[in-house]
Amino acid sequence: YLPRKVFSRKSEKYDAVIKEIHDIRVRSGIPSNNAFLSVCVPSFNRGHRALKAVEYALTTCYDAEIEIVLVNTGSTNCTEGYQQIKNMRDSRLRYYELEKNGGFHESYCSALSRASGHFAMMLSDEDSVAVEKLNDVFEYLNEHCTEGVTTFNAIFDASPVVEYLIRKLEVCEKG
């Protein structure tokens, strides 16, 4: 993984180098085989919303640490956004298409089964991952890596800032 910040008297120099490495890794189109977090998004007939969600998620400063798994679950309407997603060249993006929609359960399972990260976060195509809070999510997952399922409540205030609140710990049985 790439450090986010180097503390030095010449930090601007290191910040520029890190940004350049990040940009090269993202544009390479070569997926990481060691993603920490997979953000899984099943989508049906809402390509325009999925496109906005993907574009926003890809503004994150993370590269090899994250992957966005978008599954178009047999959409027949509003497909222009899916085509734009399909044509994006970003090493963090995985785009898949299903021939037909199998309903809510199959859509979510299909997205989750394609995740390769150590952890997976499920989102609706109507939601956006709060990229400015991913560091908090990463820290929480790293500290609680034996949990089966964790849910986060998203709190929206008047600003565009989103807060993730971790619900009370629940340990779930496998499956």
C-alpha atoms as a PDB file:
ATOM      1  CA  TYR A   1       0.000   0.000   0.000  1.00  0.00           C
ATOM      2  CA  LEU A   2       1.051   3.560  -0.656  1.00  0.00           C
ATOM      3  CA  PRO A   3       1.500   5.944   2.297  1.00  0.00           C
ATOM      4  CA  ARG A   4      -0.886   8.887   2.299  1.00  0.00           C
ATOM      5  CA  LYS A   5       1.423  11.407   3.920  1.00  0.00           C
ATOM      6  CA  VAL A   6       5.154  11.682   4.496  1.00  0.00           C
ATOM      7  CA  PHE A   7       6.220  14.002   7.287  1.00  0.00           C
ATOM      8  CA  SER A   8       9.317  15.897   6.295  1.00  0.00           C
ATOM      9  CA  ARG A   9      10.672  19.399   5.956  1.00  0.00           C
ATOM     10  CA  LYS A  10      10.165  18.908   2.215  1.00  0.00           C
ATOM     11  CA  SER A  11       6.707  17.343   2.426  1.00  0.00           C
ATOM     12  CA  GLU A  12       5.522  19.042  -0.801  1.00  0.00           C
ATOM     13  CA  LYS A  13       8.149  17.095  -2.740  1.00  0.00           C
ATOM     14  CA  TYR A  14       7.011  13.785  -1.250  1.00  0.00           C
ATOM     15  CA  ASP A  15       3.330  14.666  -1.683  1.00  0.00           C
ATOM     16  CA  ALA A  16       3.961  15.249  -5.393  1.00  0.00           C
ATOM     17  CA  VAL A  17       5.785  11.913  -5.746  1.00  0.00           C
ATOM     18  CA  ILE A  18       3.005  10.038  -3.947  1.00  0.00           C
ATOM     19  CA  LYS A  19       0.363  11.699  -6.134  1.00  0.00           C
ATOM     20  CA  GLU A  20       2.311  10.797  -9.282  1.00  0.00           C
ATOM     21  CA  ILE A  21       2.629   7.146  -8.188  1.00  0.00           C
ATOM     22  CA  HIS A  22      -1.084   7.066  -7.314  1.00  0.00           C
ATOM     23  CA  ASP A  23      -2.063   8.490 -10.709  1.00  0.00           C
ATOM     24  CA  ILE A  24       0.106   5.972 -12.561  1.00  0.00           C
ATOM     25  CA  ARG A  25      -1.313   3.056 -10.565  1.00  0.00           C
ATOM     26  CA  VAL A  26      -4.911   4.169 -11.136  1.00  0.00           C
ATOM     27  CA  ARG A  27      -4.464   4.772 -14.879  1.00  0.00           C
ATOM     28  CA  SER A  28      -2.631   1.480 -15.391  1.00  0.00           C
ATOM     29  CA  GLY A  29      -5.895  -0.452 -15.422  1.00  0.00           C
ATOM     30  CA  ILE A  30      -4.103  -3.304 -13.643  1.00  0.00           C
ATOM     31  CA  PRO A  31      -6.233  -4.366 -10.668  1.00  0.00           C
ATOM     32  CA  SER A  32      -4.700  -4.902  -7.263  1.00  0.00           C
ATOM     33  CA  ASN A  33      -4.618  -8.455  -6.033  1.00  0.00           C
ATOM     34  CA  ASN A  34      -4.501  -7.245  -2.441  1.00  0.00           C
ATOM     35  CA  ALA A  35      -7.406  -4.825  -1.968  1.00  0.00           C
ATOM     36  CA  PHE A  36      -8.243  -4.125   1.650  1.00  0.00           C
ATOM     37  CA  LEU A  37     -11.844  -3.088   0.956  1.00  0.00           C
ATOM     38  CA  SER A  38     -14.247  -3.998  -1.845  1.00  0.00           C
ATOM     39  CA  VAL A  39     -17.129  -1.562  -2.271  1.00  0.00           C
ATOM     40  CA  CYS A  40     -19.861  -3.697  -3.861  1.00  0.00           C
ATOM     41  CA  VAL A  41     -22.677  -2.005  -5.768  1.00  0.00           C
ATOM     42  CA  PRO A  42     -25.419  -3.976  -7.526  1.00  0.00           C
ATOM     43  CA  SER A  43     -27.420  -1.777  -9.886  1.00  0.00           C
ATOM     44  CA  PHE A  44     -30.574  -2.194 -11.954  1.00  0.00           C
ATOM     45  CA  ASN A  45     -31.963   0.356 -14.424  1.00  0.00           C
ATOM     46  CA  ARG A  46     -30.199   3.279 -12.734  1.00  0.00           C
ATOM     47  CA  GLY A  47     -27.074   3.744 -14.789  1.00  0.00           C
ATOM     48  CA  HIS A  48     -27.087   7.520 -14.266  1.00  0.00           C
ATOM     49  CA  ARG A  49     -27.111   7.086 -10.477  1.00  0.00           C
ATOM     50  CA  ALA A  50     -24.543   4.301 -10.567  1.00  0.00           C
ATOM     51  CA  LEU A  51     -22.277   6.500 -12.698  1.00  0.00           C
ATOM     52  CA  LYS A  52     -22.421   9.326 -10.141  1.00  0.00           C
ATOM     53  CA  ALA A  53     -21.727   6.895  -7.284  1.00  0.00           C
ATOM     54  CA  VAL A  54     -18.743   5.358  -9.102  1.00  0.00           C
ATOM     55  CA  GLU A  55     -17.302   8.718 -10.146  1.00  0.00           C
ATOM     56  CA  TYR A  56     -17.513   9.958  -6.565  1.00  0.00           C
ATOM     57  CA  ALA A  57     -16.018   6.763  -5.095  1.00  0.00           C
ATOM     58  CA  LEU A  58     -13.075   7.028  -7.487  1.00  0.00           C
ATOM     59  CA  THR A  59     -12.185  10.470  -6.083  1.00  0.00           C
ATOM     60  CA  THR A  60     -10.649   8.702  -3.103  1.00  0.00           C
ATOM     61  CA  CYS A  61      -6.903   8.997  -2.584  1.00  0.00           C
ATOM     62  CA  TYR A  62      -6.667   5.216  -2.179  1.00  0.00           C
ATOM     63  CA  ASP A  63      -5.622   3.018  -5.066  1.00  0.00           C
ATOM     64  CA  ALA A  64      -4.466  -0.555  -4.400  1.00  0.00           C
ATOM     65  CA  GLU A  65      -6.284  -0.550  -1.048  1.00  0.00           C
ATOM     66  CA  ILE A  66      -9.754  -0.331  -2.538  1.00  0.00           C
ATOM     67  CA  GLU A  67     -11.817  -1.746  -5.374  1.00  0.00           C
ATOM     68  CA  ILE A  68     -15.250  -0.726  -6.617  1.00  0.00           C
ATOM     69  CA  VAL A  69     -17.293  -3.711  -7.818  1.00  0.00           C
ATOM     70  CA  LEU A  70     -20.292  -2.578  -9.850  1.00  0.00           C
ATOM     71  CA  VAL A  71     -22.668  -5.218 -11.162  1.00  0.00           C
ATOM     72  CA  ASN A  72     -25.260  -4.191 -13.749  1.00  0.00           C
ATOM     73  CA  THR A  73     -27.941  -6.727 -12.945  1.00  0.00           C
ATOM     74  CA  GLY A  74     -29.641  -7.095 -16.318  1.00  0.00           C
ATOM     75  CA  SER A  75     -30.678  -3.477 -16.877  1.00  0.00           C
ATOM     76  CA  THR A  76     -32.849  -2.676 -19.880  1.00  0.00           C
ATOM     77  CA  ASN A  77     -33.503   1.037 -19.146  1.00  0.00           C
ATOM     78  CA  CYS A  78     -31.231   3.977 -18.299  1.00  0.00           C
ATOM     79  CA  THR A  79     -28.183   2.107 -19.597  1.00  0.00           C
ATOM     80  CA  GLU A  80     -26.105   5.064 -20.835  1.00  0.00           C
ATOM     81  CA  GLY A  81     -24.413   5.444 -17.449  1.00  0.00           C
ATOM     82  CA  TYR A  82     -23.420   1.786 -17.440  1.00  0.00           C
ATOM     83  CA  GLN A  83     -21.740   2.191 -20.811  1.00  0.00           C
ATOM     84  CA  GLN A  84     -19.719   5.121 -19.457  1.00  0.00           C
ATOM     85  CA  ILE A  85     -18.715   3.056 -16.412  1.00  0.00           C
ATOM     86  CA  LYS A  86     -17.783   0.149 -18.672  1.00  0.00           C
ATOM     87  CA  ASN A  87     -15.475   2.450 -20.664  1.00  0.00           C
ATOM     88  CA  MET A  88     -13.676   3.898 -17.615  1.00  0.00           C
ATOM     89  CA  ARG A  89     -10.024   3.005 -17.278  1.00  0.00           C
ATOM     90  CA  ASP A  90      -9.284   2.843 -13.574  1.00  0.00           C
ATOM     91  CA  SER A  91      -7.464   0.008 -11.835  1.00  0.00           C
ATOM     92  CA  ARG A  92      -9.879   0.224  -8.873  1.00  0.00           C
ATOM     93  CA  LEU A  93     -13.032  -0.383 -10.898  1.00  0.00           C
ATOM     94  CA  ARG A  94     -14.497  -3.811 -11.695  1.00  0.00           C
ATOM     95  CA  TYR A  95     -17.581  -3.733 -13.924  1.00  0.00           C
ATOM     96  CA  TYR A  96     -19.761  -6.783 -14.569  1.00  0.00           C
ATOM     97  CA  GLU A  97     -23.020  -7.329 -16.446  1.00  0.00           C
ATOM     98  CA  LEU A  98     -25.619  -9.994 -15.808  1.00  0.00           C
ATOM     99  CA  GLU A  99     -27.941 -11.077 -18.605  1.00  0.00           C
ATOM    100  CA  LYS A 100     -31.061 -10.838 -16.448  1.00  0.00           C
ATOM    101  CA  ASN A 101     -32.134  -9.464 -13.111  1.00  0.00           C
ATOM    102  CA  GLY A 102     -32.615 -12.132 -10.480  1.00  0.00           C
ATOM    103  CA  GLY A 103     -34.026  -9.849  -7.817  1.00  0.00           C
ATOM    104  CA  PHE A 104     -32.595  -8.239  -4.710  1.00  0.00           C
ATOM    105  CA  HIS A 105     -30.968 -11.315  -3.160  1.00  0.00           C
ATOM    106  CA  GLU A 106     -29.257 -12.504  -6.330  1.00  0.00           C
ATOM    107  CA  SER A 107     -28.062  -8.977  -7.154  1.00  0.00           C
ATOM    108  CA  TYR A 108     -26.378  -8.478  -3.794  1.00  0.00           C
ATOM    109  CA  CYS A 109     -24.896 -11.981  -3.747  1.00  0.00           C
ATOM    110  CA  SER A 110     -23.595 -11.494  -7.279  1.00  0.00           C
ATOM    111  CA  ALA A 111     -21.791  -8.268  -6.313  1.00  0.00           C
ATOM    112  CA  LEU A 112     -20.409  -9.733  -3.080  1.00  0.00           C
ATOM    113  CA  SER A 113     -19.170 -12.918  -4.782  1.00  0.00           C
ATOM    114  CA  ARG A 114     -17.049 -10.826  -7.168  1.00  0.00           C
ATOM    115  CA  ALA A 115     -15.298  -8.943  -4.354  1.00  0.00           C
ATOM    116  CA  SER A 116     -11.631  -9.753  -3.862  1.00  0.00           C
ATOM    117  CA  GLY A 117     -10.894  -7.456  -0.917  1.00  0.00           C
ATOM    118  CA  HIS A 118     -10.205  -8.605   2.608  1.00  0.00           C
ATOM    119  CA  PHE A 119     -13.442  -6.818   3.579  1.00  0.00           C
ATOM    120  CA  ALA A 120     -16.539  -5.863   1.614  1.00  0.00           C
ATOM    121  CA  MET A 121     -18.906  -2.918   1.964  1.00  0.00           C
ATOM    122  CA  MET A 122     -22.322  -3.216   0.336  1.00  0.00           C
ATOM    123  CA  LEU A 123     -23.918  -0.099  -1.148  1.00  0.00           C
ATOM    124  CA  SER A 124     -27.016   0.627  -3.139  1.00  0.00           C
ATOM    125  CA  ASP A 125     -26.560   2.368  -6.469  1.00  0.00           C
ATOM    126  CA  GLU A 126     -28.404   5.285  -4.862  1.00  0.00           C
ATOM    127  CA  ASP A 127     -25.720   5.658  -2.190  1.00  0.00           C
ATOM    128  CA  SER A 128     -22.257   7.127  -2.293  1.00  0.00           C
ATOM    129  CA  VAL A 129     -19.367   5.922  -0.227  1.00  0.00           C
ATOM    130  CA  ALA A 130     -18.131   8.724   2.027  1.00  0.00           C
ATOM    131  CA  VAL A 131     -14.606   8.857   0.630  1.00  0.00           C
ATOM    132  CA  GLU A 132     -13.544  11.445   3.204  1.00  0.00           C
ATOM    133  CA  LYS A 133     -14.354   8.913   5.970  1.00  0.00           C
ATOM    134  CA  LEU A 134     -12.771   5.804   4.445  1.00  0.00           C
ATOM    135  CA  ASN A 135      -9.746   6.163   6.676  1.00  0.00           C
ATOM    136  CA  ASP A 136     -12.024   5.754   9.729  1.00  0.00           C
ATOM    137  CA  VAL A 137     -13.676   2.717   8.158  1.00  0.00           C
ATOM    138  CA  PHE A 138     -10.258   1.182   7.367  1.00  0.00           C
ATOM    139  CA  GLU A 139      -9.077   1.728  10.944  1.00  0.00           C
ATOM    140  CA  TYR A 140     -12.239   0.184  12.374  1.00  0.00           C
ATOM    141  CA  LEU A 141     -12.053  -2.873  10.109  1.00  0.00           C
ATOM    142  CA  ASN A 142      -8.375  -3.357  10.865  1.00  0.00           C
ATOM    143  CA  GLU A 143      -9.046  -3.257  14.616  1.00  0.00           C
ATOM    144  CA  HIS A 144     -12.093  -5.566  14.419  1.00  0.00           C
ATOM    145  CA  CYS A 145     -10.925  -7.946  11.706  1.00  0.00           C
ATOM    146  CA  THR A 146     -12.523 -11.019  13.295  1.00  0.00           C
ATOM    147  CA  GLU A 147     -16.086  -9.726  12.984  1.00  0.00           C
ATOM    148  CA  GLY A 148     -18.445 -11.371  10.534  1.00  0.00           C
ATOM    149  CA  VAL A 149     -20.671  -8.380   9.811  1.00  0.00           C
ATOM    150  CA  THR A 150     -20.533  -4.736  10.807  1.00  0.00           C
ATOM    151  CA  THR A 151     -23.113  -2.157   9.904  1.00  0.00           C
ATOM    152  CA  PHE A 152     -22.462   1.557   9.617  1.00  0.00           C
ATOM    153  CA  ASN A 153     -25.124   4.209   9.945  1.00  0.00           C
ATOM    154  CA  ALA A 154     -24.560   7.182   7.699  1.00  0.00           C
ATOM    155  CA  ILE A 155     -25.435  10.534   9.207  1.00  0.00           C
ATOM    156  CA  PHE A 156     -26.037  13.421   6.817  1.00  0.00           C
ATOM    157  CA  ASP A 157     -26.090  16.994   8.054  1.00  0.00           C
ATOM    158  CA  ALA A 158     -26.644  20.215   6.115  1.00  0.00           C
ATOM    159  CA  SER A 159     -23.180  20.044   4.572  1.00  0.00           C
ATOM    160  CA  PRO A 160     -22.055  17.413   2.073  1.00  0.00           C
ATOM    161  CA  VAL A 161     -20.059  15.734   4.876  1.00  0.00           C
ATOM    162  CA  VAL A 162     -21.124  12.230   5.833  1.00  0.00           C
ATOM    163  CA  GLU A 163     -20.368  10.659   9.200  1.00  0.00           C
ATOM    164  CA  TYR A 164     -20.231   6.901   9.649  1.00  0.00           C
ATOM    165  CA  LEU A 165     -21.355   5.689  13.035  1.00  0.00           C
ATOM    166  CA  ILE A 166     -20.613   2.110  13.967  1.00  0.00           C
ATOM    167  CA  ARG A 167     -23.580   0.304  15.429  1.00  0.00           C
ATOM    168  CA  LYS A 168     -23.332  -1.833  18.540  1.00  0.00           C
ATOM    169  CA  LEU A 169     -21.074  -4.821  17.951  1.00  0.00           C
ATOM    170  CA  GLU A 170     -22.939  -7.903  16.772  1.00  0.00           C
ATOM    171  CA  VAL A 171     -21.164 -11.174  16.143  1.00  0.00           C
ATOM    172  CA  CYS A 172     -22.922 -13.156  13.416  1.00  0.00           C
ATOM    173  CA  GLU A 173     -22.548 -16.803  12.578  1.00  0.00           C
ATOM    174  CA  LYS A 174     -20.916 -17.656   9.270  1.00  0.00           C
ATOM    175  CA  GLY A 175     -23.381 -17.783   6.357  1.00  0.00           C
END
